[in-house]
């Protein structure tokens, strides 16, 4: 699954990959509705809902 905006791919579900993508998390969105067992990494910007258009 991926995110498409204006006919361009803007996101890929990392669970679909077979190899390490060698990237770091830049920000977490919708943490206000995350699973109770999910752990947020330290130092990552978090938004309770969606991120502002110009973070």
N, C-alpha and C. Protein backbone atom coordinates (compact mmCIF):
# COMPACT_ATOMS: atom_id res chain seq x y z
N UNK A 1 0.84 -1.17 0.00
CA UNK A 1 0.00 0.00 0.00
C UNK A 1 0.89 1.24 0.00
N UNK A 2 0.43 2.27 -0.65
CA UNK A 2 1.20 3.51 -0.69
C UNK A 2 0.27 4.70 -0.64
N UNK A 3 0.85 5.86 -0.39
CA UNK A 3 0.09 7.10 -0.42
C UNK A 3 0.30 7.79 -1.76
N UNK A 4 -0.78 8.20 -2.39
CA UNK A 4 -0.68 8.88 -3.68
C UNK A 4 -1.33 10.25 -3.55
N UNK A 5 -0.63 11.27 -4.01
CA UNK A 5 -1.13 12.63 -3.98
C UNK A 5 -0.82 13.28 -5.31
N UNK A 6 -1.83 13.80 -5.95
CA UNK A 6 -1.69 14.42 -7.27
C UNK A 6 -0.95 13.49 -8.24
N UNK A 7 -1.37 12.22 -8.23
CA UNK A 7 -0.86 11.17 -9.13
C UNK A 7 0.62 10.84 -8.93
N UNK A 8 1.17 11.15 -7.75
CA UNK A 8 2.56 10.78 -7.44
C UNK A 8 2.59 10.00 -6.13
N UNK A 9 3.48 9.02 -6.05
CA UNK A 9 3.65 8.23 -4.83
C UNK A 9 4.36 9.09 -3.78
N UNK A 10 3.74 9.19 -2.59
CA UNK A 10 4.32 9.99 -1.50
C UNK A 10 4.52 9.17 -0.24
N UNK A 11 4.30 7.90 -0.30
CA UNK A 11 4.51 7.07 0.88
C UNK A 11 4.35 5.60 0.54
N UNK A 12 5.10 4.78 1.24
CA UNK A 12 5.04 3.34 1.05
C UNK A 12 4.96 2.71 2.43
N UNK A 13 4.08 1.75 2.61
CA UNK A 13 4.00 1.03 3.88
C UNK A 13 5.27 0.20 4.03
N UNK A 14 6.06 0.50 5.06
CA UNK A 14 7.36 -0.15 5.21
C UNK A 14 7.25 -1.65 5.46
N UNK A 15 6.10 -2.10 5.95
CA UNK A 15 5.92 -3.54 6.14
C UNK A 15 5.91 -4.32 4.84
N UNK A 16 5.79 -3.61 3.72
CA UNK A 16 5.80 -4.26 2.40
C UNK A 16 7.22 -4.53 1.90
N UNK A 17 8.22 -3.97 2.54
CA UNK A 17 9.59 -4.10 2.06
C UNK A 17 10.24 -5.37 2.58
N UNK A 18 11.13 -5.95 1.80
CA UNK A 18 11.85 -7.16 2.19
C UNK A 18 13.21 -6.85 2.79
N UNK A 19 13.70 -5.63 2.63
CA UNK A 19 15.02 -5.26 3.11
C UNK A 19 14.92 -4.03 4.01
N UNK A 20 16.01 -3.74 4.72
CA UNK A 20 16.08 -2.57 5.58
C UNK A 20 16.14 -1.32 4.70
N UNK A 21 15.19 -0.39 4.84
CA UNK A 21 15.20 0.80 3.99
C UNK A 21 16.26 1.83 4.42
N UNK A 22 16.90 1.61 5.57
CA UNK A 22 17.95 2.49 6.08
C UNK A 22 17.50 3.94 6.15
N UNK A 23 16.33 4.15 6.78
CA UNK A 23 15.81 5.49 7.01
C UNK A 23 15.47 5.64 8.48
N UNK A 24 15.31 6.88 8.93
CA UNK A 24 14.91 7.14 10.29
C UNK A 24 13.54 7.81 10.29
N UNK A 25 12.81 7.64 11.37
CA UNK A 25 11.50 8.25 11.50
C UNK A 25 11.69 9.75 11.69
N UNK A 26 11.00 10.54 10.87
CA UNK A 26 11.09 11.99 10.97
C UNK A 26 10.03 12.59 11.86
N UNK A 27 8.84 12.00 11.85
CA UNK A 27 7.74 12.47 12.69
C UNK A 27 6.65 11.41 12.75
N UNK A 28 5.90 11.45 13.83
CA UNK A 28 4.78 10.52 14.02
C UNK A 28 3.50 11.33 14.00
N UNK A 29 2.53 10.89 13.20
CA UNK A 29 1.24 11.57 13.15
C UNK A 29 0.16 10.67 13.77
N UNK A 30 -0.90 11.29 14.22
CA UNK A 30 -2.04 10.61 14.82
C UNK A 30 -1.67 9.79 16.06
N UNK A 31 -0.72 10.30 16.86
CA UNK A 31 -0.35 9.58 18.08
C UNK A 31 -1.46 9.61 19.12
N UNK A 32 -2.43 10.50 18.98
CA UNK A 32 -3.56 10.55 19.90
C UNK A 32 -4.44 9.32 19.81
N UNK A 33 -4.34 8.57 18.73
CA UNK A 33 -5.15 7.36 18.57
C UNK A 33 -4.29 6.12 18.36
N UNK A 34 -3.04 6.18 18.81
CA UNK A 34 -2.14 5.02 18.65
C UNK A 34 -2.56 3.89 19.56
N UNK A 35 -2.09 2.71 19.26
CA UNK A 35 -2.36 1.55 20.11
C UNK A 35 -1.68 1.73 21.46
N UNK A 36 -2.28 1.24 22.52
CA UNK A 36 -1.73 1.42 23.87
C UNK A 36 -0.36 0.77 24.03
N UNK A 37 -0.05 -0.24 23.23
CA UNK A 37 1.23 -0.93 23.34
C UNK A 37 2.32 -0.31 22.46
N UNK A 38 1.96 0.62 21.59
CA UNK A 38 2.96 1.21 20.70
C UNK A 38 3.86 2.17 21.46
N UNK A 39 5.17 2.05 21.25
CA UNK A 39 6.16 2.89 21.92
C UNK A 39 6.68 3.93 20.92
N UNK A 40 6.59 5.20 21.31
CA UNK A 40 7.09 6.27 20.46
C UNK A 40 8.58 6.47 20.74
N UNK A 41 9.41 6.54 19.71
CA UNK A 41 10.84 6.74 19.93
C UNK A 41 11.13 8.14 20.46
N UNK A 42 12.15 8.26 21.29
CA UNK A 42 12.55 9.56 21.83
C UNK A 42 13.06 10.46 20.72
N UNK A 43 12.79 11.74 20.85
CA UNK A 43 13.34 12.72 19.92
C UNK A 43 12.61 12.88 18.61
N UNK A 44 11.52 12.15 18.40
CA UNK A 44 10.77 12.25 17.14
C UNK A 44 9.57 13.18 17.36
N UNK A 45 9.39 14.15 16.48
CA UNK A 45 8.26 15.07 16.57
C UNK A 45 6.96 14.29 16.47
N UNK A 46 6.02 14.61 17.36
CA UNK A 46 4.75 13.89 17.40
C UNK A 46 3.59 14.86 17.26
N UNK A 47 2.55 14.43 16.57
CA UNK A 47 1.34 15.20 16.40
C UNK A 47 0.16 14.35 16.85
N UNK A 48 -0.73 14.92 17.66
CA UNK A 48 -1.89 14.20 18.13
C UNK A 48 -2.79 13.77 16.98
N UNK A 49 -2.85 14.61 15.95
CA UNK A 49 -3.63 14.29 14.76
C UNK A 49 -2.71 14.43 13.55
N UNK A 50 -3.18 15.09 12.53
CA UNK A 50 -2.35 15.26 11.34
C UNK A 50 -1.30 16.35 11.58
N UNK A 51 -0.25 16.33 10.81
CA UNK A 51 0.80 17.34 10.91
C UNK A 51 0.36 18.63 10.23
N UNK A 52 0.87 19.77 10.70
CA UNK A 52 0.54 21.02 10.00
C UNK A 52 1.10 20.99 8.57
N UNK A 53 0.52 21.78 7.70
CA UNK A 53 0.98 21.77 6.31
C UNK A 53 2.41 22.25 6.15
N UNK A 54 2.85 23.15 7.01
CA UNK A 54 4.24 23.65 6.98
C UNK A 54 4.86 23.47 8.35
N UNK A 55 5.32 22.24 8.65
CA UNK A 55 5.85 21.96 10.00
C UNK A 55 7.12 22.72 10.31
